[in-house]
N, C-alpha and C. Protein backbone atom coordinates (compact mmCIF):
# COMPACT_ATOMS: atom_id res chain seq x y z
N MET A 1 62.99 148.71 143.95
CA MET A 1 62.21 148.15 142.85
C MET A 1 61.62 149.28 142.00
N ASN A 2 61.57 149.07 140.72
CA ASN A 2 60.97 150.04 139.81
C ASN A 2 59.52 150.32 140.21
N PRO A 3 59.12 151.60 140.29
CA PRO A 3 57.75 151.92 140.73
C PRO A 3 56.67 151.26 139.86
N VAL A 4 56.92 151.18 138.56
CA VAL A 4 55.94 150.55 137.66
C VAL A 4 55.79 149.08 137.99
N LEU A 5 56.94 148.40 138.20
CA LEU A 5 56.89 146.97 138.54
C LEU A 5 56.25 146.76 139.91
N ARG A 6 56.54 147.67 140.85
CA ARG A 6 55.95 147.55 142.17
C ARG A 6 54.43 147.70 142.11
N ASP A 7 53.96 148.67 141.34
CA ASP A 7 52.52 148.86 141.20
C ASP A 7 51.87 147.66 140.51
N LEU A 8 52.56 147.12 139.51
CA LEU A 8 52.04 145.95 138.81
C LEU A 8 51.95 144.76 139.75
N PHE A 9 52.97 144.58 140.58
CA PHE A 9 52.99 143.48 141.54
C PHE A 9 51.86 143.63 142.56
N ILE A 10 51.67 144.85 143.06
CA ILE A 10 50.61 145.09 144.05
C ILE A 10 49.23 144.88 143.43
N ASN A 11 49.04 145.39 142.21
CA ASN A 11 47.75 145.22 141.54
C ASN A 11 47.45 143.74 141.26
N THR A 12 48.51 142.99 140.91
CA THR A 12 48.33 141.56 140.66
C THR A 12 47.92 140.83 141.93
N LEU A 13 48.57 141.17 143.04
CA LEU A 13 48.21 140.55 144.32
C LEU A 13 46.77 140.89 144.70
N ASP A 14 46.37 142.15 144.50
CA ASP A 14 45.00 142.56 144.81
C ASP A 14 44.00 141.79 143.95
N TYR A 15 44.36 141.60 142.70
CA TYR A 15 43.48 140.87 141.77
C TYR A 15 43.33 139.42 142.21
N LEU A 16 44.45 138.79 142.59
CA LEU A 16 44.40 137.40 143.03
C LEU A 16 43.59 137.26 144.31
N GLN A 17 43.76 138.20 145.23
CA GLN A 17 43.01 138.14 146.48
C GLN A 17 41.52 138.35 146.24
N SER A 18 41.19 139.26 145.32
CA SER A 18 39.78 139.52 145.03
C SER A 18 39.11 138.33 144.36
N GLY A 19 39.89 137.56 143.58
CA GLY A 19 39.31 136.42 142.86
C GLY A 19 39.09 135.20 143.72
N GLY A 20 39.67 135.15 144.89
CA GLY A 20 39.47 134.00 145.77
C GLY A 20 40.32 132.80 145.37
N GLY A 21 40.09 131.69 146.06
CA GLY A 21 40.90 130.50 145.86
C GLY A 21 40.74 129.85 144.51
N VAL A 22 39.58 129.99 143.89
CA VAL A 22 39.34 129.34 142.59
C VAL A 22 40.21 129.95 141.50
N LEU A 23 40.64 131.19 141.69
CA LEU A 23 41.43 131.86 140.66
C LEU A 23 42.80 131.19 140.47
N ILE A 24 43.33 130.60 141.53
CA ILE A 24 44.66 129.98 141.45
C ILE A 24 44.67 128.80 140.48
N PRO A 25 43.74 127.82 140.58
CA PRO A 25 43.75 126.74 139.58
C PRO A 25 43.49 127.23 138.16
N ILE A 26 42.69 128.29 137.99
CA ILE A 26 42.46 128.83 136.65
C ILE A 26 43.77 129.36 136.06
N ILE A 27 44.55 130.06 136.86
CA ILE A 27 45.82 130.60 136.38
C ILE A 27 46.81 129.47 136.09
N LEU A 28 46.82 128.44 136.95
CA LEU A 28 47.70 127.28 136.71
C LEU A 28 47.31 126.57 135.41
N ILE A 29 46.01 126.44 135.17
CA ILE A 29 45.53 125.83 133.92
C ILE A 29 45.98 126.66 132.73
N SER A 30 45.93 128.00 132.88
CA SER A 30 46.35 128.88 131.79
C SER A 30 47.82 128.66 131.44
N PHE A 31 48.69 128.59 132.46
CA PHE A 31 50.13 128.36 132.21
C PHE A 31 50.35 127.00 131.56
N TRP A 32 49.65 125.98 132.07
CA TRP A 32 49.78 124.63 131.52
C TRP A 32 49.33 124.61 130.06
N MET A 33 48.16 125.20 129.80
CA MET A 33 47.60 125.20 128.45
C MET A 33 48.52 125.93 127.47
N TRP A 34 49.02 127.11 127.85
CA TRP A 34 49.87 127.86 126.94
C TRP A 34 51.23 127.20 126.74
N GLY A 35 51.71 126.50 127.76
CA GLY A 35 52.93 125.72 127.58
C GLY A 35 52.75 124.62 126.54
N LEU A 36 51.59 123.93 126.60
CA LEU A 36 51.30 122.90 125.60
C LEU A 36 51.11 123.50 124.21
N ILE A 37 50.43 124.65 124.15
CA ILE A 37 50.20 125.29 122.85
C ILE A 37 51.52 125.66 122.18
N ILE A 38 52.40 126.31 122.92
CA ILE A 38 53.68 126.73 122.35
C ILE A 38 54.51 125.52 121.94
N GLY A 39 54.54 124.50 122.82
CA GLY A 39 55.30 123.29 122.50
C GLY A 39 54.78 122.59 121.27
N LYS A 40 53.45 122.47 121.15
CA LYS A 40 52.87 121.78 120.00
C LYS A 40 53.08 122.57 118.72
N TRP A 41 52.93 123.87 118.80
CA TRP A 41 53.14 124.72 117.62
C TRP A 41 54.58 124.57 117.11
N LEU A 42 55.55 124.60 118.02
CA LEU A 42 56.95 124.46 117.62
C LEU A 42 57.21 123.07 117.02
N GLU A 43 56.61 122.03 117.61
CA GLU A 43 56.77 120.68 117.08
C GLU A 43 56.25 120.58 115.65
N LEU A 44 55.03 121.09 115.42
CA LEU A 44 54.43 121.01 114.09
C LEU A 44 55.22 121.83 113.07
N GLN A 45 55.69 123.01 113.48
CA GLN A 45 56.48 123.85 112.57
C GLN A 45 57.79 123.17 112.21
N ARG A 46 58.47 122.62 113.20
CA ARG A 46 59.76 121.98 112.97
C ARG A 46 59.60 120.76 112.06
N SER A 47 58.56 119.97 112.32
CA SER A 47 58.32 118.78 111.50
C SER A 47 58.01 119.15 110.06
N ARG A 48 57.19 120.20 109.89
CA ARG A 48 56.79 120.61 108.52
C ARG A 48 58.00 121.10 107.72
N LYS A 49 58.89 121.83 108.37
CA LYS A 49 60.06 122.36 107.66
C LYS A 49 61.02 121.25 107.23
N LEU A 50 61.06 120.17 108.00
CA LEU A 50 62.00 119.09 107.73
C LEU A 50 61.46 118.03 106.77
N GLU A 51 60.17 118.10 106.45
CA GLU A 51 59.58 117.08 105.58
C GLU A 51 60.21 117.10 104.19
N LYS A 52 60.44 115.91 103.65
CA LYS A 52 61.02 115.75 102.32
C LYS A 52 60.08 114.91 101.45
N PRO A 53 60.15 115.08 100.12
CA PRO A 53 59.33 114.24 99.22
C PRO A 53 59.70 112.76 99.37
N SER A 54 58.74 111.90 99.10
CA SER A 54 58.98 110.47 99.27
C SER A 54 60.10 109.97 98.36
N ALA A 55 60.19 110.52 97.13
CA ALA A 55 61.24 110.08 96.20
C ALA A 55 62.63 110.38 96.76
N GLU A 56 62.78 111.54 97.38
CA GLU A 56 64.07 111.91 97.95
C GLU A 56 64.40 111.02 99.15
N CYS A 57 63.39 110.68 99.93
CA CYS A 57 63.61 109.79 101.07
C CYS A 57 64.05 108.40 100.62
N ILE A 58 63.45 107.92 99.53
CA ILE A 58 63.83 106.60 99.01
C ILE A 58 65.27 106.62 98.51
N GLU A 59 65.67 107.72 97.88
CA GLU A 59 67.05 107.84 97.39
C GLU A 59 68.05 107.74 98.53
N HIS A 60 67.67 108.25 99.70
CA HIS A 60 68.58 108.27 100.85
C HIS A 60 68.24 107.18 101.86
N LEU A 61 67.55 106.14 101.42
CA LEU A 61 67.20 105.04 102.31
C LEU A 61 68.47 104.42 102.89
N GLY A 62 68.52 104.36 104.21
CA GLY A 62 69.70 103.81 104.88
C GLY A 62 70.76 104.83 105.22
N ASP A 63 70.56 106.08 104.83
CA ASP A 63 71.53 107.14 105.14
C ASP A 63 71.18 107.76 106.50
N PRO A 64 71.97 107.50 107.53
CA PRO A 64 71.63 108.01 108.88
C PRO A 64 71.75 109.53 109.00
N ASP A 65 72.48 110.16 108.09
CA ASP A 65 72.68 111.61 108.16
C ASP A 65 71.66 112.39 107.34
N PHE A 66 70.74 111.68 106.70
CA PHE A 66 69.75 112.37 105.87
C PHE A 66 68.79 113.14 106.76
N ALA A 67 68.62 114.43 106.45
CA ALA A 67 67.76 115.30 107.26
C ALA A 67 66.32 115.24 106.74
N ALA A 68 65.45 114.71 107.54
CA ALA A 68 64.02 114.63 107.18
C ALA A 68 63.22 114.81 108.46
N ALA A 69 61.90 114.86 108.32
CA ALA A 69 61.03 114.97 109.49
C ALA A 69 61.19 113.72 110.36
N PRO A 70 61.07 113.86 111.68
CA PRO A 70 61.25 112.69 112.56
C PRO A 70 60.36 111.51 112.17
N TRP A 71 59.10 111.79 111.79
CA TRP A 71 58.21 110.68 111.44
C TRP A 71 58.65 110.00 110.15
N GLN A 72 59.18 110.76 109.21
CA GLN A 72 59.69 110.16 107.98
C GLN A 72 60.91 109.30 108.26
N LYS A 73 61.80 109.78 109.12
CA LYS A 73 63.00 109.02 109.44
C LYS A 73 62.66 107.71 110.14
N GLU A 74 61.62 107.74 110.96
CA GLU A 74 61.25 106.51 111.66
C GLU A 74 60.67 105.47 110.69
N ILE A 75 59.83 105.93 109.76
CA ILE A 75 59.27 105.01 108.77
C ILE A 75 60.38 104.46 107.87
N MET A 76 61.29 105.33 107.42
CA MET A 76 62.38 104.90 106.55
C MET A 76 63.35 103.98 107.30
N SER A 77 63.55 104.22 108.59
CA SER A 77 64.41 103.36 109.38
C SER A 77 63.84 101.95 109.46
N LEU A 78 62.53 101.85 109.63
CA LEU A 78 61.88 100.54 109.66
C LEU A 78 62.05 99.83 108.32
N LEU A 79 61.84 100.55 107.23
CA LEU A 79 62.00 99.96 105.90
C LEU A 79 63.42 99.45 105.69
N TRP A 80 64.39 100.24 106.11
CA TRP A 80 65.79 99.86 105.93
C TRP A 80 66.12 98.61 106.74
N GLU A 81 65.63 98.53 107.97
CA GLU A 81 65.88 97.35 108.80
C GLU A 81 65.25 96.11 108.18
N LEU A 82 64.04 96.25 107.63
CA LEU A 82 63.38 95.10 107.00
C LEU A 82 64.16 94.64 105.77
N ARG A 83 64.64 95.60 104.99
CA ARG A 83 65.41 95.24 103.80
C ARG A 83 66.72 94.55 104.16
N ARG A 84 67.39 95.06 105.17
CA ARG A 84 68.67 94.47 105.59
C ARG A 84 68.48 93.05 106.11
N SER A 85 67.38 92.84 106.81
CA SER A 85 67.15 91.51 107.39
C SER A 85 66.57 90.52 106.38
N GLY A 86 66.14 91.03 105.23
CA GLY A 86 65.58 90.16 104.21
C GLY A 86 64.14 89.76 104.47
N ARG A 87 63.52 90.37 105.49
CA ARG A 87 62.12 90.04 105.78
C ARG A 87 61.21 90.70 104.75
N PRO A 88 60.06 90.10 104.48
CA PRO A 88 59.13 90.68 103.50
C PRO A 88 58.53 91.98 104.02
N ILE A 89 58.38 92.94 103.13
CA ILE A 89 57.80 94.23 103.50
C ILE A 89 56.36 94.26 102.99
N LYS A 90 55.42 94.38 103.91
CA LYS A 90 54.00 94.40 103.56
C LYS A 90 53.35 95.64 104.16
N PRO A 91 52.20 96.06 103.61
CA PRO A 91 51.53 97.24 104.17
C PRO A 91 51.25 97.12 105.67
N LYS A 92 50.90 95.91 106.12
CA LYS A 92 50.60 95.72 107.53
C LYS A 92 51.84 95.91 108.41
N THR A 93 53.02 95.69 107.81
CA THR A 93 54.26 95.88 108.56
C THR A 93 54.46 97.35 108.91
N LEU A 94 54.06 98.24 107.99
CA LEU A 94 54.23 99.67 108.22
C LEU A 94 53.14 100.27 109.09
N GLU A 95 52.02 99.57 109.19
CA GLU A 95 50.85 100.16 109.86
C GLU A 95 51.11 100.58 111.29
N PRO A 96 51.77 99.75 112.14
CA PRO A 96 51.99 100.19 113.53
C PRO A 96 52.80 101.48 113.65
N VAL A 97 53.88 101.59 112.84
CA VAL A 97 54.70 102.80 112.94
C VAL A 97 53.97 104.01 112.39
N VAL A 98 53.11 103.82 111.38
CA VAL A 98 52.31 104.93 110.85
C VAL A 98 51.32 105.40 111.91
N ARG A 99 50.65 104.46 112.57
CA ARG A 99 49.70 104.83 113.63
C ARG A 99 50.41 105.54 114.78
N LYS A 100 51.63 105.12 115.06
CA LYS A 100 52.41 105.76 116.13
C LYS A 100 52.69 107.22 115.78
N GLN A 101 53.06 107.47 114.52
CA GLN A 101 53.35 108.84 114.10
C GLN A 101 52.10 109.70 114.11
N GLU A 102 50.97 109.12 113.71
CA GLU A 102 49.71 109.88 113.73
C GLU A 102 49.32 110.22 115.16
N ALA A 103 49.55 109.29 116.09
CA ALA A 103 49.27 109.56 117.51
C ALA A 103 50.17 110.68 118.03
N TRP A 104 51.41 110.74 117.51
CA TRP A 104 52.33 111.82 117.93
C TRP A 104 51.78 113.18 117.53
N PHE A 105 51.18 113.28 116.34
CA PHE A 105 50.61 114.55 115.92
C PHE A 105 49.42 114.96 116.78
N ASP A 106 48.66 113.97 117.26
CA ASP A 106 47.49 114.26 118.09
C ASP A 106 47.85 114.60 119.53
N ARG A 107 49.07 114.23 119.93
CA ARG A 107 49.46 114.41 121.32
C ARG A 107 49.36 115.86 121.76
N SER A 108 48.82 116.09 122.92
CA SER A 108 48.67 117.41 123.57
C SER A 108 47.47 118.21 123.05
N VAL A 109 47.01 117.95 121.81
CA VAL A 109 45.92 118.76 121.26
C VAL A 109 44.64 118.54 122.07
N SER A 110 44.32 117.29 122.38
CA SER A 110 43.12 117.00 123.17
C SER A 110 43.23 117.63 124.56
N THR A 111 44.43 117.58 125.14
CA THR A 111 44.62 118.17 126.47
C THR A 111 44.39 119.68 126.44
N ILE A 112 44.87 120.33 125.39
CA ILE A 112 44.65 121.78 125.25
C ILE A 112 43.17 122.11 125.21
N LEU A 113 42.41 121.34 124.44
CA LEU A 113 40.97 121.59 124.33
C LEU A 113 40.24 121.30 125.64
N VAL A 114 40.66 120.24 126.35
CA VAL A 114 40.04 119.92 127.64
C VAL A 114 40.29 121.04 128.64
N LEU A 115 41.53 121.54 128.68
CA LEU A 115 41.84 122.65 129.60
C LEU A 115 41.05 123.90 129.24
N SER A 116 40.82 124.12 127.94
CA SER A 116 40.03 125.28 127.50
C SER A 116 38.59 125.17 127.99
N PHE A 117 38.05 123.95 127.96
CA PHE A 117 36.68 123.75 128.45
C PHE A 117 36.61 123.82 129.97
N LEU A 118 37.70 123.42 130.63
CA LEU A 118 37.69 123.35 132.09
C LEU A 118 37.75 124.72 132.74
N SER A 119 38.47 125.66 132.15
CA SER A 119 38.67 126.97 132.79
C SER A 119 37.37 127.75 133.00
N PRO A 120 36.43 127.81 132.01
CA PRO A 120 35.18 128.53 132.32
C PRO A 120 34.31 127.81 133.35
N LEU A 121 34.45 126.48 133.43
CA LEU A 121 33.70 125.76 134.47
C LEU A 121 34.21 126.12 135.85
N LEU A 122 35.54 126.25 135.97
CA LEU A 122 36.09 126.73 137.24
C LEU A 122 35.67 128.17 137.51
N GLY A 123 35.61 128.98 136.44
CA GLY A 123 35.12 130.34 136.60
C GLY A 123 33.69 130.37 137.11
N LEU A 124 32.86 129.44 136.59
CA LEU A 124 31.47 129.35 137.06
C LEU A 124 31.42 128.91 138.52
N LEU A 125 32.33 127.99 138.89
CA LEU A 125 32.40 127.59 140.30
C LEU A 125 32.73 128.78 141.18
N GLY A 126 33.69 129.60 140.73
CA GLY A 126 34.03 130.80 141.49
C GLY A 126 32.86 131.76 141.60
N THR A 127 32.06 131.84 140.53
CA THR A 127 30.87 132.70 140.55
C THR A 127 29.88 132.23 141.61
N VAL A 128 29.66 130.91 141.63
CA VAL A 128 28.73 130.35 142.62
C VAL A 128 29.22 130.60 144.04
N ILE A 129 30.53 130.36 144.26
CA ILE A 129 31.09 130.57 145.60
C ILE A 129 30.97 132.05 146.00
N GLY A 130 31.28 132.94 145.06
CA GLY A 130 31.18 134.37 145.35
C GLY A 130 29.76 134.80 145.67
N MET A 131 28.77 134.27 144.94
CA MET A 131 27.37 134.63 145.21
C MET A 131 26.90 134.06 146.53
N ILE A 132 27.38 132.85 146.87
CA ILE A 132 27.01 132.28 148.18
C ILE A 132 27.54 133.17 149.30
N GLU A 133 28.78 133.63 149.17
CA GLU A 133 29.35 134.54 150.19
C GLU A 133 28.55 135.83 150.27
N THR A 134 28.12 136.33 149.11
CA THR A 134 27.32 137.56 149.10
C THR A 134 26.00 137.36 149.83
N PHE A 135 25.34 136.24 149.56
CA PHE A 135 24.06 135.98 150.24
C PHE A 135 24.24 135.74 151.73
N ASP A 136 25.40 135.16 152.11
CA ASP A 136 25.67 135.00 153.54
C ASP A 136 25.79 136.37 154.22
N VAL A 137 26.47 137.30 153.53
CA VAL A 137 26.61 138.65 154.08
C VAL A 137 25.25 139.32 154.20
N ILE A 138 24.41 139.16 153.17
CA ILE A 138 23.07 139.77 153.19
C ILE A 138 22.24 139.19 154.33
N SER A 139 22.37 137.87 154.53
CA SER A 139 21.57 137.24 155.60
C SER A 139 22.01 137.71 156.98
N GLN A 140 23.29 138.10 157.13
CA GLN A 140 23.79 138.53 158.44
C GLN A 140 23.63 140.04 158.66
N PHE A 141 23.91 140.82 157.62
CA PHE A 141 23.96 142.27 157.81
C PHE A 141 22.90 143.01 156.99
N GLY A 142 22.17 142.30 156.15
CA GLY A 142 21.23 142.97 155.27
C GLY A 142 21.95 143.57 154.07
N THR A 143 21.25 144.40 153.35
CA THR A 143 21.84 144.97 152.14
C THR A 143 22.54 146.30 152.40
N GLY A 144 22.62 146.70 153.67
CA GLY A 144 23.21 148.00 153.97
C GLY A 144 24.72 148.00 154.01
N ASN A 145 25.35 146.80 154.14
CA ASN A 145 26.80 146.73 154.25
C ASN A 145 27.40 146.45 152.86
N ALA A 146 27.58 147.51 152.10
CA ALA A 146 28.05 147.36 150.72
C ALA A 146 29.48 146.83 150.67
N ARG A 147 30.34 147.25 151.63
CA ARG A 147 31.72 146.81 151.63
C ARG A 147 31.82 145.30 151.80
N ALA A 148 31.02 144.75 152.72
CA ALA A 148 31.05 143.30 152.95
C ALA A 148 30.52 142.54 151.74
N MET A 149 29.51 143.09 151.08
CA MET A 149 28.95 142.43 149.89
C MET A 149 29.90 142.48 148.71
N ALA A 150 30.74 143.51 148.65
CA ALA A 150 31.61 143.70 147.48
C ALA A 150 32.58 142.55 147.29
N GLY A 151 33.05 141.93 148.41
CA GLY A 151 34.02 140.85 148.30
C GLY A 151 33.46 139.66 147.52
N GLY A 152 32.24 139.24 147.86
CA GLY A 152 31.64 138.10 147.16
C GLY A 152 31.34 138.41 145.71
N ILE A 153 30.83 139.61 145.47
CA ILE A 153 30.51 139.99 144.08
C ILE A 153 31.79 140.09 143.25
N SER A 154 32.84 140.65 143.85
CA SER A 154 34.11 140.77 143.14
C SER A 154 34.66 139.39 142.79
N GLU A 155 34.59 138.45 143.73
CA GLU A 155 35.08 137.10 143.46
C GLU A 155 34.29 136.45 142.32
N ALA A 156 32.97 136.64 142.33
CA ALA A 156 32.12 136.05 141.29
C ALA A 156 32.47 136.59 139.92
N LEU A 157 32.66 137.91 139.80
CA LEU A 157 32.92 138.51 138.50
C LEU A 157 34.33 138.22 138.00
N ILE A 158 35.30 138.29 138.89
CA ILE A 158 36.70 138.11 138.47
C ILE A 158 36.96 136.68 138.01
N THR A 159 36.43 135.69 138.74
CA THR A 159 36.66 134.30 138.34
C THR A 159 35.98 133.99 137.00
N THR A 160 34.77 134.53 136.80
CA THR A 160 34.09 134.33 135.51
C THR A 160 34.89 134.96 134.38
N GLN A 161 35.33 136.19 134.58
CA GLN A 161 36.11 136.90 133.57
C GLN A 161 37.40 136.16 133.23
N THR A 162 38.13 135.73 134.26
CA THR A 162 39.40 135.05 134.04
C THR A 162 39.20 133.71 133.34
N GLY A 163 38.17 132.98 133.73
CA GLY A 163 37.88 131.70 133.08
C GLY A 163 37.62 131.86 131.60
N LEU A 164 36.89 132.90 131.23
CA LEU A 164 36.60 133.15 129.81
C LEU A 164 37.84 133.64 129.06
N ILE A 165 38.64 134.48 129.72
CA ILE A 165 39.87 134.97 129.09
C ILE A 165 40.80 133.81 128.75
N VAL A 166 40.85 132.81 129.63
CA VAL A 166 41.69 131.64 129.38
C VAL A 166 41.07 130.75 128.30
N ALA A 167 39.73 130.59 128.35
CA ALA A 167 39.06 129.61 127.49
C ALA A 167 38.99 130.01 126.03
N VAL A 168 38.63 131.26 125.75
CA VAL A 168 38.35 131.66 124.36
C VAL A 168 39.57 131.49 123.45
N PRO A 169 40.73 132.06 123.77
CA PRO A 169 41.88 131.82 122.88
C PRO A 169 42.31 130.37 122.85
N GLY A 170 42.15 129.67 123.99
CA GLY A 170 42.51 128.25 124.03
C GLY A 170 41.69 127.41 123.08
N LEU A 171 40.39 127.72 122.99
CA LEU A 171 39.52 126.97 122.07
C LEU A 171 39.88 127.25 120.62
N PHE A 172 40.10 128.51 120.29
CA PHE A 172 40.44 128.87 118.91
C PHE A 172 41.77 128.24 118.50
N ILE A 173 42.78 128.41 119.34
CA ILE A 173 44.11 127.90 118.99
C ILE A 173 44.13 126.37 119.04
N GLY A 174 43.40 125.78 120.00
CA GLY A 174 43.34 124.32 120.08
C GLY A 174 42.73 123.71 118.84
N ASN A 175 41.66 124.31 118.33
CA ASN A 175 41.04 123.81 117.10
C ASN A 175 41.94 124.04 115.89
N PHE A 176 42.66 125.16 115.89
CA PHE A 176 43.62 125.42 114.81
C PHE A 176 44.72 124.36 114.80
N LEU A 177 45.25 124.03 115.98
CA LEU A 177 46.29 123.01 116.07
C LEU A 177 45.74 121.64 115.69
N ARG A 178 44.48 121.39 116.02
CA ARG A 178 43.89 120.10 115.65
C ARG A 178 43.79 119.97 114.13
N ARG A 179 43.44 121.06 113.45
CA ARG A 179 43.39 121.02 111.98
C ARG A 179 44.80 120.82 111.40
N ARG A 180 45.79 121.48 112.01
CA ARG A 180 47.16 121.28 111.54
C ARG A 180 47.60 119.83 111.73
N ALA A 181 47.21 119.24 112.86
CA ALA A 181 47.56 117.85 113.12
C ALA A 181 46.88 116.91 112.12
N GLU A 182 45.62 117.19 111.80
CA GLU A 182 44.89 116.36 110.82
C GLU A 182 45.56 116.46 109.44
N ASN A 183 45.98 117.67 109.06
CA ASN A 183 46.69 117.84 107.78
C ASN A 183 48.00 117.04 107.77
N ALA A 184 48.71 117.08 108.89
CA ALA A 184 49.97 116.34 108.99
C ALA A 184 49.73 114.83 108.89
N LYS A 185 48.66 114.36 109.53
CA LYS A 185 48.33 112.94 109.45
C LYS A 185 47.99 112.54 108.02
N GLY A 186 47.36 113.44 107.29
CA GLY A 186 47.08 113.18 105.87
C GLY A 186 48.36 113.06 105.07
N ARG A 187 49.35 113.88 105.40
CA ARG A 187 50.64 113.79 104.70
C ARG A 187 51.36 112.48 105.01
N VAL A 188 51.21 112.00 106.24
CA VAL A 188 51.80 110.71 106.61
C VAL A 188 51.17 109.59 105.77
N GLU A 189 49.85 109.63 105.63
CA GLU A 189 49.15 108.60 104.83
C GLU A 189 49.61 108.66 103.38
N ARG A 190 49.69 109.85 102.81
CA ARG A 190 50.11 109.98 101.40
C ARG A 190 51.56 109.55 101.21
N PHE A 191 52.40 109.90 102.17
CA PHE A 191 53.81 109.51 102.10
C PHE A 191 53.93 107.98 102.10
N THR A 192 53.18 107.33 102.97
CA THR A 192 53.23 105.87 103.07
C THR A 192 52.71 105.22 101.79
N LEU A 193 51.63 105.76 101.24
CA LEU A 193 51.10 105.22 99.98
C LEU A 193 52.12 105.38 98.85
N ASN A 194 52.79 106.51 98.79
CA ASN A 194 53.83 106.71 97.77
C ASN A 194 54.96 105.70 97.92
N LEU A 195 55.34 105.42 99.17
CA LEU A 195 56.38 104.42 99.40
C LEU A 195 55.93 103.04 98.91
N GLN A 196 54.69 102.71 99.20
CA GLN A 196 54.18 101.39 98.79
C GLN A 196 54.16 101.25 97.27
N ARG A 197 53.75 102.33 96.59
CA ARG A 197 53.71 102.26 95.14
C ARG A 197 55.13 102.20 94.54
N THR A 198 56.02 103.04 95.06
CA THR A 198 57.37 103.11 94.50
C THR A 198 58.18 101.84 94.77
N LEU A 199 58.06 101.33 96.02
CA LEU A 199 58.82 100.13 96.38
C LEU A 199 58.06 98.85 96.10
N GLN A 200 56.84 99.01 95.56
CA GLN A 200 55.98 97.85 95.22
C GLN A 200 55.77 96.96 96.45
N ILE A 201 55.37 97.61 97.52
CA ILE A 201 55.07 96.88 98.75
C ILE A 201 53.65 96.33 98.66
N GLY A 202 53.47 95.10 99.00
CA GLY A 202 52.12 94.56 98.98
C GLY A 202 52.11 93.11 98.57
C-alpha cells in the first residue's frame, strides 16, 4: 500500500476511535446529507436547462419527442389528454398536477436541513458522554492520571468539531437549495398562468 494512503488510513482510524461511538452516526449523516445535496443540485440544474417558454410548449402540445423540463412535460401531457378526450379544461383540473410538481421541487430539501440541525446535536451528545467519562476517571484516579482523562476530553472535542463541520455547510447549502426550489415553484406558477391565458382556460 502507498505510504501516504497507509498513513491516511491509520490517522482516520485513530480519529474515529478517539471520537467514540457517537462519531459513527455523525459521519453516516454527513454521507446521507451530501448525497441528497448532490442529487438535488443535479435535479434542479437539469430541470432548469430543459425548461422551455410556455408559447413553445403550446406549439408542441401532443408531441412526445418535444424536449422540455419534466414538470412541463407532465402538465402538457395532462392538457393533451384532456383535449383528446373532449373534457373541459379548468384551472382546478391543473391544480393537482401543479401541486405535485411543486412538491417535487421541495423533495429532499427539508431532509437536508433536518440532517444539518441533527449533526451538532449528536456532537453535543458526544461532548456530554466524553465529559461524563472524564469525570468518572477523575472520581476513580483523581486529576493525576492525564492519559486516562485524555480519552474523554478527546471524545468530547472531536464529536463537537465533527458535528459543526457537518452542520455549517449543510445549513448554507440547504437554504440555498430551498431558495432555488422556491424560484422553480414560482416558474411553475407563471408557466401555468401563461397556459391559462393563452388557451383561455377558465
